[in-house]
Amino acid sequence: MPTFKDRKCYFHKNDVKFIDYKNVRLLRRFMTQYFKIVPKYYSGTCLKHQKQVAKAIKTARIVGLLPFTR
């Protein structure tokens, strides 16, 4: 049975080079139902990509593409 530590980074697995704040469908994958950012030990992303995801989500919130709360 795989554990959280066995997960591979989504962005390394799918060869994603750049995380765009306008790609709302991708960013929603890393948010809870209450629009909180999922921690890296749940999502399985590496530290580098987790920081990029968090920055993209925060930018999308400011621009108005994603809500701050539900």
Protein backbone atom coordinates (compact mmCIF):
# COMPACT_ATOMS: atom_id res chain seq x y z
CA MET A 1 0.00 0.00 0.00
CA PRO A 2 1.60 3.29 -1.10
CA THR A 3 2.12 5.99 1.48
CA PHE A 4 2.44 9.74 1.09
CA LYS A 5 6.23 9.42 0.96
CA ASP A 6 6.02 7.11 -2.07
CA ARG A 7 4.33 9.75 -4.21
CA LYS A 8 6.26 11.45 -6.96
CA CYS A 9 5.99 15.13 -7.73
CA TYR A 10 3.13 15.78 -10.18
CA PHE A 11 5.19 18.32 -12.09
CA HIS A 12 8.22 16.05 -12.49
CA LYS A 13 6.02 13.14 -13.53
CA ASN A 14 4.16 15.16 -16.20
CA ASP A 15 7.20 17.24 -17.25
CA VAL A 16 5.59 20.61 -16.50
CA LYS A 17 8.15 23.37 -16.95
CA PHE A 18 6.15 26.42 -15.82
CA ILE A 19 3.22 26.81 -13.42
CA ASP A 20 0.98 29.53 -14.81
CA TYR A 21 -1.37 31.42 -12.50
CA LYS A 22 -3.98 31.55 -15.30
CA ASN A 23 -4.28 27.74 -15.40
CA VAL A 24 -7.08 27.57 -12.83
CA ARG A 25 -7.88 23.90 -13.51
CA LEU A 26 -4.35 22.88 -12.52
CA LEU A 27 -4.29 25.14 -9.47
CA ARG A 28 -7.64 23.83 -8.18
CA ARG A 29 -6.01 20.40 -8.02
CA PHE A 30 -3.77 21.72 -5.23
CA MET A 31 -6.52 23.38 -3.18
CA THR A 32 -9.05 22.03 -0.70
CA GLN A 33 -12.80 22.41 -1.06
CA TYR A 34 -12.51 25.54 1.08
CA PHE A 35 -9.85 27.00 -1.26
CA LYS A 36 -6.92 26.51 1.09
CA ILE A 37 -3.54 25.50 -0.34
CA VAL A 38 -2.87 21.80 0.20
CA PRO A 39 0.41 21.07 2.04
CA LYS A 40 3.15 19.29 0.15
CA TYR A 41 2.95 16.12 2.23
CA TYR A 42 -0.66 15.66 1.01
CA SER A 43 -0.18 16.73 -2.59
CA GLY A 44 3.15 14.95 -3.04
CA THR A 45 4.90 17.85 -4.74
CA CYS A 46 8.55 18.66 -4.13
CA LEU A 47 9.51 21.81 -2.25
CA LYS A 48 10.48 23.73 -5.38
CA HIS A 49 7.15 23.14 -7.09
CA GLN A 50 5.12 23.59 -3.90
CA LYS A 51 6.51 27.12 -3.58
CA GLN A 52 5.69 27.83 -7.23
CA VAL A 53 2.14 26.47 -6.80
CA ALA A 54 1.59 28.60 -3.69
CA LYS A 55 2.84 31.72 -5.46
CA ALA A 56 0.66 31.02 -8.52
CA ILE A 57 -2.43 30.46 -6.34
CA LYS A 58 -1.82 33.67 -4.43
CA THR A 59 -1.36 35.60 -7.68
CA ALA A 60 -4.56 34.09 -9.13
CA ARG A 61 -6.43 35.13 -5.98
CA ILE A 62 -5.24 38.72 -6.26
CA VAL A 63 -6.12 38.90 -9.97
CA GLY A 64 -9.55 37.48 -9.23
CA LEU A 65 -9.37 34.08 -10.93
CA LEU A 66 -9.66 32.16 -7.64
CA PRO A 67 -11.59 33.13 -4.51
CA PHE A 68 -9.89 33.62 -1.17
CA THR A 69 -12.51 31.66 0.78
CA ARG A 70 -15.73 29.82 0.13
